[in-house]
Amino acid sequence: MRFACARAQFTSKNVCRGCPAPPRFVADPVYRRSGFDRHGDLTSHLSVEQEKRVGPWKYVESAEPRPLVADGTHAEIIALLNSFAAAARAKNARVYYLGPPIPESRYAARKHAFAAYDQRMRRELEIPILSAPEDFVLPDDKFFDSNYHLNRAGRRLRTEKIIAKLLEALPR
């Protein structure tokens, strides 16, 4: 109802008398164009006075476990990654795959789904995989506002883990 009145006010120039005024646009302090650095990384949340956090996340595996990624989407992802790797190899570049950060609570609830997805990635991906899902499981308090968006402490921890994995893999 409120949306309908706000829309009517906007389109009919206050024909809908007595409806509440539409809310004014308030710029998001985090998700804004200027929130990204020159590398394309979102950094605005690092300057928010107190980092907001959604969580702890409560993940419950359904009675019939479902995959992490739908089959069609997975096929597209694999095709794109393999195509990118082939183009990189043609230019004598190395490509490695490292999995995403995962909140402890999400991993605990979907451990079997992560293991199945990892097995599938190892079968189909033509890129060396340097990590297992559990390698990047982090405490829930290392995430900002979603299960892939790390806060400052989480970014530092993940960076250290990535460096260690790359140092193991790179020839000396």
N, C-alpha and C. Protein backbone atom coordinates (compact mmCIF):
# COMPACT_ATOMS: atom_id res chain seq x y z
N MET A 1 0.83 -1.19 0.00
CA MET A 1 0.00 0.00 0.00
C MET A 1 0.87 1.25 0.00
N ARG A 2 1.86 1.27 0.88
CA ARG A 2 2.73 2.45 0.98
C ARG A 2 3.44 2.69 -0.35
N PHE A 3 3.92 1.59 -0.98
CA PHE A 3 4.60 1.72 -2.26
C PHE A 3 3.65 2.26 -3.31
N ALA A 4 2.42 1.76 -3.33
CA ALA A 4 1.43 2.21 -4.31
C ALA A 4 1.15 3.70 -4.15
N CYS A 5 1.02 4.16 -2.92
CA CYS A 5 0.78 5.58 -2.68
C CYS A 5 1.99 6.41 -3.10
N ALA A 6 3.18 5.96 -2.75
CA ALA A 6 4.40 6.69 -3.12
C ALA A 6 4.52 6.77 -4.64
N ARG A 7 4.21 5.67 -5.31
CA ARG A 7 4.28 5.66 -6.78
C ARG A 7 3.24 6.62 -7.37
N ALA A 8 2.04 6.60 -6.81
CA ALA A 8 0.99 7.50 -7.29
C ALA A 8 1.40 8.96 -7.08
N GLN A 9 1.99 9.26 -5.93
CA GLN A 9 2.43 10.63 -5.67
C GLN A 9 3.47 11.06 -6.68
N PHE A 10 4.37 10.16 -6.96
CA PHE A 10 5.46 10.49 -7.88
C PHE A 10 4.94 10.69 -9.30
N THR A 11 4.08 9.79 -9.76
CA THR A 11 3.63 9.84 -11.15
C THR A 11 2.46 10.79 -11.36
N SER A 12 1.62 11.00 -10.35
CA SER A 12 0.43 11.83 -10.54
C SER A 12 0.56 13.19 -9.86
N LYS A 13 1.72 13.53 -9.40
CA LYS A 13 1.95 14.82 -8.74
C LYS A 13 0.96 15.07 -7.62
N ASN A 14 1.03 14.20 -6.63
CA ASN A 14 0.25 14.34 -5.40
C ASN A 14 -1.26 14.17 -5.59
N VAL A 15 -1.67 13.39 -6.57
CA VAL A 15 -3.09 13.10 -6.73
C VAL A 15 -3.59 12.31 -5.53
N CYS A 16 -2.74 11.47 -5.02
CA CYS A 16 -3.09 10.60 -3.90
C CYS A 16 -2.89 11.39 -2.60
N ARG A 17 -3.85 12.22 -2.24
CA ARG A 17 -3.73 13.06 -1.05
C ARG A 17 -3.87 12.19 0.22
N GLY A 18 -3.13 12.57 1.22
CA GLY A 18 -3.21 11.86 2.49
C GLY A 18 -2.26 10.67 2.58
N CYS A 19 -1.56 10.35 1.50
CA CYS A 19 -0.59 9.25 1.54
C CYS A 19 0.71 9.77 2.13
N PRO A 20 1.45 8.91 2.78
CA PRO A 20 2.75 9.35 3.30
C PRO A 20 3.68 9.73 2.15
N ALA A 21 4.53 10.70 2.40
CA ALA A 21 5.49 11.14 1.37
C ALA A 21 6.47 10.01 1.09
N PRO A 22 6.89 9.88 -0.18
CA PRO A 22 7.87 8.84 -0.48
C PRO A 22 9.17 9.11 0.25
N PRO A 23 9.86 8.05 0.67
CA PRO A 23 11.12 8.26 1.39
C PRO A 23 12.16 8.93 0.50
N ARG A 24 12.98 9.76 1.12
CA ARG A 24 14.06 10.41 0.37
C ARG A 24 15.19 9.42 0.19
N PHE A 25 15.88 9.54 -0.92
CA PHE A 25 17.01 8.65 -1.19
C PHE A 25 18.15 8.96 -0.22
N VAL A 26 18.64 7.95 0.43
CA VAL A 26 19.77 8.10 1.33
C VAL A 26 20.90 7.24 0.78
N ALA A 27 22.00 7.87 0.48
CA ALA A 27 23.14 7.15 -0.08
C ALA A 27 23.65 6.12 0.92
N ASP A 28 23.92 4.93 0.42
CA ASP A 28 24.47 3.88 1.27
C ASP A 28 25.91 4.23 1.60
N PRO A 29 26.30 4.18 2.88
CA PRO A 29 27.67 4.54 3.24
C PRO A 29 28.71 3.53 2.76
N VAL A 30 28.29 2.35 2.35
CA VAL A 30 29.22 1.32 1.92
C VAL A 30 29.12 1.07 0.42
N TYR A 31 27.94 0.73 -0.04
CA TYR A 31 27.76 0.33 -1.43
C TYR A 31 27.47 1.54 -2.31
N ARG A 32 28.53 2.17 -2.75
CA ARG A 32 28.44 3.34 -3.61
C ARG A 32 29.61 3.30 -4.58
N ARG A 33 29.50 3.99 -5.67
CA ARG A 33 30.56 3.99 -6.69
C ARG A 33 31.91 4.39 -6.10
N SER A 34 31.92 5.40 -5.27
CA SER A 34 33.19 5.88 -4.70
C SER A 34 33.73 4.94 -3.62
N GLY A 35 32.98 3.87 -3.31
CA GLY A 35 33.42 2.92 -2.30
C GLY A 35 34.46 1.93 -2.79
N PHE A 36 34.79 1.99 -4.10
CA PHE A 36 35.75 1.06 -4.69
C PHE A 36 37.09 1.76 -4.90
N ASP A 37 38.18 1.02 -4.70
CA ASP A 37 39.51 1.60 -4.94
C ASP A 37 39.88 1.44 -6.42
N ARG A 38 41.08 1.88 -6.77
CA ARG A 38 41.50 1.86 -8.18
C ARG A 38 41.66 0.45 -8.74
N HIS A 39 41.68 -0.56 -7.87
CA HIS A 39 41.80 -1.95 -8.31
C HIS A 39 40.42 -2.62 -8.44
N GLY A 40 39.37 -1.89 -8.09
CA GLY A 40 38.02 -2.45 -8.15
C GLY A 40 37.59 -3.16 -6.89
N ASP A 41 38.36 -3.01 -5.81
CA ASP A 41 38.01 -3.64 -4.54
C ASP A 41 37.14 -2.70 -3.72
N LEU A 42 36.08 -3.24 -3.13
CA LEU A 42 35.25 -2.45 -2.24
C LEU A 42 36.02 -2.22 -0.95
N THR A 43 36.24 -0.96 -0.63
CA THR A 43 37.00 -0.63 0.58
C THR A 43 36.26 0.33 1.50
N SER A 44 35.10 0.82 1.07
CA SER A 44 34.38 1.81 1.88
C SER A 44 33.99 1.27 3.25
N HIS A 45 33.74 -0.03 3.34
CA HIS A 45 33.33 -0.59 4.63
C HIS A 45 34.48 -0.58 5.64
N LEU A 46 35.70 -0.41 5.16
CA LEU A 46 36.85 -0.39 6.07
C LEU A 46 36.93 0.93 6.84
N SER A 47 36.24 1.97 6.34
CA SER A 47 36.27 3.26 7.03
C SER A 47 34.99 3.53 7.80
N VAL A 48 34.03 2.61 7.73
CA VAL A 48 32.81 2.77 8.51
C VAL A 48 33.21 2.69 9.98
N GLU A 49 32.72 3.64 10.76
CA GLU A 49 33.17 3.74 12.15
C GLU A 49 33.11 2.41 12.89
N GLN A 50 31.97 1.78 12.85
CA GLN A 50 31.89 0.45 13.44
C GLN A 50 31.32 -0.45 12.37
N GLU A 51 32.14 -1.38 11.94
CA GLU A 51 31.73 -2.25 10.85
C GLU A 51 30.46 -3.00 11.22
N LYS A 52 29.42 -2.82 10.37
CA LYS A 52 28.19 -3.57 10.62
C LYS A 52 28.45 -5.03 10.28
N ARG A 53 27.63 -5.88 10.82
CA ARG A 53 27.83 -7.30 10.58
C ARG A 53 26.51 -8.01 10.66
N VAL A 54 26.24 -8.83 9.69
CA VAL A 54 25.06 -9.65 9.69
C VAL A 54 25.52 -11.03 10.14
N GLY A 55 24.92 -11.55 11.12
CA GLY A 55 25.34 -12.86 11.59
C GLY A 55 25.17 -12.93 13.09
N PRO A 56 25.48 -14.01 13.73
CA PRO A 56 25.97 -15.20 13.05
C PRO A 56 24.90 -15.77 12.13
N TRP A 57 25.37 -16.29 11.02
CA TRP A 57 24.46 -16.85 10.05
C TRP A 57 23.96 -18.19 10.54
N LYS A 58 22.72 -18.45 10.27
CA LYS A 58 22.15 -19.73 10.67
C LYS A 58 21.80 -20.49 9.40
N TYR A 59 22.61 -21.45 9.09
CA TYR A 59 22.40 -22.28 7.91
C TYR A 59 21.88 -23.61 8.34
N VAL A 60 20.85 -24.04 7.71
CA VAL A 60 20.28 -25.35 8.01
C VAL A 60 20.21 -26.11 6.70
N GLU A 61 20.83 -27.26 6.68
CA GLU A 61 20.78 -28.10 5.48
C GLU A 61 19.40 -28.71 5.41
N SER A 62 18.82 -28.66 4.23
CA SER A 62 17.48 -29.22 4.06
C SER A 62 17.56 -30.75 4.16
N ALA A 63 16.38 -31.36 4.33
CA ALA A 63 16.33 -32.82 4.43
C ALA A 63 16.93 -33.47 3.19
N GLU A 64 16.72 -32.83 2.04
CA GLU A 64 17.32 -33.31 0.80
C GLU A 64 18.41 -32.31 0.41
N PRO A 65 19.67 -32.65 0.66
CA PRO A 65 20.75 -31.70 0.39
C PRO A 65 20.75 -31.21 -1.05
N ARG A 66 20.99 -29.93 -1.21
CA ARG A 66 21.03 -29.34 -2.55
C ARG A 66 22.46 -28.89 -2.85
N PRO A 67 22.81 -28.82 -4.12
CA PRO A 67 24.17 -28.41 -4.47
C PRO A 67 24.40 -26.93 -4.17
N LEU A 68 25.65 -26.56 -4.04
CA LEU A 68 25.99 -25.15 -3.79
C LEU A 68 25.66 -24.29 -5.00
N VAL A 69 25.86 -24.85 -6.20
CA VAL A 69 25.63 -24.11 -7.44
C VAL A 69 24.80 -24.99 -8.37
N ALA A 70 23.80 -24.39 -8.98
CA ALA A 70 22.94 -25.13 -9.92
C ALA A 70 23.78 -25.64 -11.10
N ASP A 71 23.38 -26.78 -11.66
CA ASP A 71 24.15 -27.41 -12.74
C ASP A 71 24.43 -26.48 -13.91
N GLY A 72 23.43 -25.78 -14.40
CA GLY A 72 23.63 -24.89 -15.55
C GLY A 72 24.61 -23.77 -15.25
N THR A 73 24.47 -23.20 -14.07
CA THR A 73 25.38 -22.13 -13.66
C THR A 73 26.79 -22.67 -13.51
N HIS A 74 26.91 -23.84 -12.91
CA HIS A 74 28.23 -24.45 -12.73
C HIS A 74 28.91 -24.67 -14.07
N ALA A 75 28.18 -25.18 -15.04
CA ALA A 75 28.75 -25.42 -16.37
C ALA A 75 29.26 -24.12 -16.99
N GLU A 76 28.50 -23.04 -16.82
CA GLU A 76 28.94 -21.73 -17.33
C GLU A 76 30.21 -21.26 -16.64
N ILE A 77 30.25 -21.41 -15.33
CA ILE A 77 31.42 -20.99 -14.55
C ILE A 77 32.66 -21.76 -15.01
N ILE A 78 32.54 -23.06 -15.12
CA ILE A 78 33.67 -23.90 -15.53
C ILE A 78 34.14 -23.51 -16.93
N ALA A 79 33.20 -23.32 -17.85
CA ALA A 79 33.56 -22.96 -19.22
C ALA A 79 34.31 -21.62 -19.25
N LEU A 80 33.82 -20.65 -18.50
CA LEU A 80 34.49 -19.34 -18.47
C LEU A 80 35.88 -19.43 -17.85
N LEU A 81 36.00 -20.14 -16.74
CA LEU A 81 37.30 -20.27 -16.09
C LEU A 81 38.30 -21.02 -16.98
N ASN A 82 37.85 -22.10 -17.61
CA ASN A 82 38.75 -22.86 -18.48
C ASN A 82 39.15 -22.04 -19.71
N SER A 83 38.24 -21.26 -20.24
CA SER A 83 38.55 -20.38 -21.37
C SER A 83 39.57 -19.32 -20.97
N PHE A 84 39.36 -18.73 -19.81
CA PHE A 84 40.31 -17.74 -19.30
C PHE A 84 41.70 -18.37 -19.11
N ALA A 85 41.74 -19.56 -18.54
CA ALA A 85 43.02 -20.25 -18.30
C ALA A 85 43.73 -20.54 -19.61
N ALA A 86 42.99 -20.96 -20.62
CA ALA A 86 43.59 -21.25 -21.94
C ALA A 86 44.18 -19.98 -22.54
N ALA A 87 43.46 -18.87 -22.44
CA ALA A 87 43.97 -17.59 -22.96
C ALA A 87 45.21 -17.15 -22.19
N ALA A 88 45.22 -17.36 -20.89
CA ALA A 88 46.37 -16.99 -20.08
C ALA A 88 47.58 -17.86 -20.43
N ARG A 89 47.35 -19.17 -20.58
CA ARG A 89 48.46 -20.07 -20.95
C ARG A 89 49.04 -19.69 -22.30
N ALA A 90 48.21 -19.24 -23.23
CA ALA A 90 48.68 -18.82 -24.55
C ALA A 90 49.62 -17.61 -24.43
N LYS A 91 49.52 -16.89 -23.34
CA LYS A 91 50.40 -15.73 -23.11
C LYS A 91 51.47 -16.04 -22.06
N ASN A 92 51.68 -17.33 -21.81
CA ASN A 92 52.67 -17.80 -20.85
C ASN A 92 52.42 -17.31 -19.42
N ALA A 93 51.17 -17.17 -19.07
CA ALA A 93 50.81 -16.80 -17.70
C ALA A 93 50.29 -18.03 -16.97
N ARG A 94 50.47 -18.04 -15.67
CA ARG A 94 49.96 -19.13 -14.84
C ARG A 94 48.67 -18.69 -14.17
N VAL A 95 47.73 -19.61 -14.09
CA VAL A 95 46.45 -19.34 -13.42
C VAL A 95 46.25 -20.41 -12.36
N TYR A 96 45.85 -19.98 -11.17
CA TYR A 96 45.56 -20.90 -10.08
C TYR A 96 44.17 -20.58 -9.54
N TYR A 97 43.54 -21.58 -8.97
CA TYR A 97 42.23 -21.39 -8.36
C TYR A 97 42.36 -21.54 -6.85
N LEU A 98 41.85 -20.56 -6.14
CA LEU A 98 41.72 -20.61 -4.68
C LEU A 98 40.26 -20.37 -4.35
N GLY A 99 39.71 -21.18 -3.48
CA GLY A 99 38.30 -21.06 -3.14
C GLY A 99 37.98 -19.81 -2.35
N PRO A 100 36.70 -19.51 -2.23
CA PRO A 100 36.26 -18.32 -1.52
C PRO A 100 36.32 -18.50 0.00
N PRO A 101 36.26 -17.39 0.73
CA PRO A 101 36.15 -17.51 2.19
C PRO A 101 34.76 -18.05 2.54
N ILE A 102 34.70 -18.83 3.60
CA ILE A 102 33.43 -19.44 4.01
C ILE A 102 33.27 -19.25 5.53
N PRO A 103 32.15 -18.70 5.98
CA PRO A 103 31.93 -18.60 7.43
C PRO A 103 31.85 -19.99 8.07
N GLU A 104 32.40 -20.11 9.28
CA GLU A 104 32.38 -21.40 9.98
C GLU A 104 30.98 -21.99 10.07
N SER A 105 30.01 -21.15 10.39
CA SER A 105 28.65 -21.68 10.57
C SER A 105 28.08 -22.21 9.25
N ARG A 106 28.40 -21.56 8.15
CA ARG A 106 27.91 -22.04 6.85
C ARG A 106 28.60 -23.35 6.48
N TYR A 107 29.90 -23.41 6.71
CA TYR A 107 30.64 -24.63 6.38
C TYR A 107 30.13 -25.81 7.22
N ALA A 108 29.90 -25.57 8.50
CA ALA A 108 29.43 -26.64 9.38
C ALA A 108 28.07 -27.17 8.92
N ALA A 109 27.19 -26.28 8.47
CA ALA A 109 25.86 -26.70 8.05
C ALA A 109 25.85 -27.38 6.68
N ARG A 110 26.84 -27.06 5.82
CA ARG A 110 26.81 -27.56 4.44
C ARG A 110 28.11 -28.26 4.05
N LYS A 111 28.78 -28.84 5.01
CA LYS A 111 30.08 -29.47 4.78
C LYS A 111 30.06 -30.46 3.61
N HIS A 112 29.03 -31.30 3.54
CA HIS A 112 28.94 -32.29 2.46
C HIS A 112 28.76 -31.61 1.10
N ALA A 113 28.00 -30.52 1.05
CA ALA A 113 27.81 -29.80 -0.21
C ALA A 113 29.12 -29.18 -0.67
N PHE A 114 29.91 -28.65 0.26
CA PHE A 114 31.21 -28.08 -0.11
C PHE A 114 32.16 -29.16 -0.61
N ALA A 115 32.14 -30.32 0.03
CA ALA A 115 33.00 -31.42 -0.40
C ALA A 115 32.61 -31.90 -1.80
N ALA A 116 31.31 -32.03 -2.05
CA ALA A 116 30.84 -32.47 -3.37
C ALA A 116 31.22 -31.44 -4.44
N TYR A 117 31.07 -30.17 -4.12
CA TYR A 117 31.42 -29.13 -5.10
C TYR A 117 32.93 -29.14 -5.38
N ASP A 118 33.72 -29.33 -4.35
CA ASP A 118 35.17 -29.39 -4.52
C ASP A 118 35.55 -30.56 -5.43
N GLN A 119 34.96 -31.72 -5.23
CA GLN A 119 35.24 -32.87 -6.09
C GLN A 119 34.88 -32.58 -7.54
N ARG A 120 33.75 -31.94 -7.73
CA ARG A 120 33.32 -31.61 -9.10
C ARG A 120 34.29 -30.61 -9.74
N MET A 121 34.70 -29.60 -8.99
CA MET A 121 35.66 -28.61 -9.51
C MET A 121 36.96 -29.31 -9.91
N ARG A 122 37.43 -30.21 -9.09
CA ARG A 122 38.70 -30.91 -9.38
C ARG A 122 38.58 -31.80 -10.62
N ARG A 123 37.40 -32.32 -10.90
CA ARG A 123 37.19 -33.12 -12.11
C ARG A 123 37.12 -32.27 -13.37
N GLU A 124 36.50 -31.11 -13.29
CA GLU A 124 36.16 -30.35 -14.50
C GLU A 124 37.03 -29.12 -14.76
N LEU A 125 37.66 -28.60 -13.75
CA LEU A 125 38.44 -27.37 -13.92
C LEU A 125 39.84 -27.70 -14.44
N GLU A 126 40.27 -26.97 -15.45
CA GLU A 126 41.58 -27.18 -16.06
C GLU A 126 42.62 -26.21 -15.50
N ILE A 127 42.45 -25.87 -14.26
CA ILE A 127 43.33 -24.93 -13.54
C ILE A 127 43.77 -25.64 -12.27
N PRO A 128 45.05 -25.53 -11.91
CA PRO A 128 45.46 -26.13 -10.62
C PRO A 128 44.68 -25.50 -9.47
N ILE A 129 44.10 -26.35 -8.63
CA ILE A 129 43.34 -25.90 -7.46
C ILE A 129 44.27 -25.99 -6.26
N LEU A 130 44.53 -24.85 -5.64
CA LEU A 130 45.51 -24.79 -4.55
C LEU A 130 44.92 -24.93 -3.17
N SER A 131 43.60 -25.03 -3.08
CA SER A 131 43.00 -25.08 -1.74
C SER A 131 41.81 -26.02 -1.73
N ALA A 132 41.52 -26.50 -0.54
CA ALA A 132 40.29 -27.25 -0.29
C ALA A 132 39.33 -26.27 0.40
N PRO A 133 38.04 -26.54 0.38
CA PRO A 133 37.10 -25.60 1.00
C PRO A 133 37.47 -25.26 2.45
N GLU A 134 37.90 -26.25 3.21
CA GLU A 134 38.20 -26.00 4.63
C GLU A 134 39.40 -25.07 4.84
N ASP A 135 40.23 -24.90 3.82
CA ASP A 135 41.40 -24.02 3.95
C ASP A 135 41.02 -22.56 4.15
N PHE A 136 39.83 -22.18 3.67
CA PHE A 136 39.42 -20.79 3.78
C PHE A 136 38.16 -20.61 4.62
N VAL A 137 37.93 -21.56 5.52
CA VAL A 137 36.85 -21.41 6.49
C VAL A 137 37.38 -20.45 7.57
N LEU A 138 36.62 -19.39 7.79
CA LEU A 138 37.02 -18.37 8.75
C LEU A 138 35.92 -18.16 9.79
N PRO A 139 36.30 -17.68 10.97
CA PRO A 139 35.26 -17.41 11.99
C PRO A 139 34.23 -16.41 11.46
N ASP A 140 32.99 -16.58 11.88
CA ASP A 140 31.90 -15.70 11.42
C ASP A 140 32.22 -14.23 11.68
N ASP A 141 32.94 -13.93 12.75
CA ASP A 141 33.21 -12.52 13.07
C ASP A 141 34.26 -11.89 12.15
N LYS A 142 34.74 -12.62 11.16
CA LYS A 142 35.68 -12.07 10.17
C LYS A 142 34.95 -11.60 8.91
N PHE A 143 33.61 -11.68 8.92
CA PHE A 143 32.81 -11.28 7.78
C PHE A 143 32.09 -9.99 8.09
N PHE A 144 31.82 -9.23 7.04
CA PHE A 144 31.20 -7.91 7.20
C PHE A 144 29.68 -8.01 7.17
N ASP A 145 29.08 -8.16 6.02
CA ASP A 145 27.62 -8.16 5.95
C ASP A 145 27.06 -9.26 5.06
N SER A 146 27.91 -10.15 4.62
CA SER A 146 27.44 -11.31 3.86
C SER A 146 28.46 -12.42 4.04
N ASN A 147 28.14 -13.59 3.54
CA ASN A 147 29.04 -14.72 3.77
C ASN A 147 30.23 -14.75 2.82
N TYR A 148 30.44 -13.73 1.99
CA TYR A 148 31.65 -13.64 1.18
C TYR A 148 32.34 -12.29 1.34
N HIS A 149 31.76 -11.39 2.09
CA HIS A 149 32.27 -10.03 2.22
C HIS A 149 33.01 -9.90 3.56
N LEU A 150 34.33 -9.93 3.49
CA LEU A 150 35.16 -9.92 4.69
C LEU A 150 35.31 -8.52 5.28
N ASN A 151 35.47 -8.46 6.59
CA ASN A 151 35.80 -7.20 7.24
C ASN A 151 37.33 -7.04 7.24
N ARG A 152 37.84 -6.01 7.88
CA ARG A 152 39.28 -5.73 7.86
C ARG A 152 40.10 -6.91 8.38
N ALA A 153 39.70 -7.47 9.50
CA ALA A 153 40.45 -8.60 10.09
C ALA A 153 40.36 -9.83 9.19
N GLY A 154 39.20 -10.06 8.60
CA GLY A 154 39.03 -11.19 7.69
C GLY A 154 39.87 -11.05 6.43
N ARG A 155 39.94 -9.83 5.90
CA ARG A 155 40.76 -9.59 4.70
C ARG A 155 42.23 -9.89 5.00
N ARG A 156 42.69 -9.44 6.16
CA ARG A 156 44.09 -9.67 6.53
C ARG A 156 44.38 -11.17 6.64
N LEU A 157 43.50 -11.89 7.31
CA LEU A 157 43.67 -13.33 7.50
C LEU A 157 43.64 -14.07 6.16
N ARG A 158 42.69 -13.73 5.31
CA ARG A 158 42.60 -14.38 3.99
C ARG A 158 43.83 -14.07 3.15
N THR A 159 44.30 -12.84 3.17
CA THR A 159 45.49 -12.48 2.41
C THR A 159 46.69 -13.32 2.85
N GLU A 160 46.85 -13.50 4.16
CA GLU A 160 47.95 -14.32 4.66
C GLU A 160 47.83 -15.76 4.17
N LYS A 161 46.62 -16.30 4.17
CA LYS A 161 46.40 -17.67 3.70
C LYS A 161 46.67 -17.79 2.20
N ILE A 162 46.26 -16.79 1.42
CA ILE A 162 46.51 -16.81 -0.03
C ILE A 162 48.01 -16.77 -0.29
N ILE A 163 48.73 -15.91 0.39
CA ILE A 163 50.18 -15.81 0.20
C ILE A 163 50.84 -17.15 0.50
N ALA A 164 50.43 -17.78 1.59
CA ALA A 164 51.02 -19.08 1.95
C ALA A 164 50.73 -20.12 0.88
N LYS A 165 49.52 -20.17 0.37
CA LYS A 165 49.18 -21.15 -0.68
C LYS A 165 49.97 -20.89 -1.96
N LEU A 166 50.10 -19.62 -2.34
CA LEU A 166 50.86 -19.30 -3.56
C LEU A 166 52.34 -19.61 -3.39
N LEU A 167 52.88 -19.33 -2.24
CA LEU A 167 54.29 -19.65 -2.02
C LEU A 167 54.56 -21.15 -2.10
N GLU A 168 53.61 -21.96 -1.65
CA GLU A 168 53.74 -23.42 -1.78
C GLU A 168 53.72 -23.86 -3.23
N ALA A 169 52.93 -23.18 -4.05
CA ALA A 169 52.69 -23.61 -5.43
C ALA A 169 53.71 -23.08 -6.44
N LEU A 170 54.20 -21.89 -6.20
CA LEU A 170 55.08 -21.26 -7.19
C LEU A 170 56.46 -21.90 -7.21
N PRO A 171 57.01 -22.08 -8.40
CA PRO A 171 58.36 -22.66 -8.47
C PRO A 171 59.39 -21.66 -7.92
N ARG A 172 60.43 -22.22 -7.34
CA ARG A 172 61.48 -21.34 -6.76
C ARG A 172 62.72 -21.43 -7.58
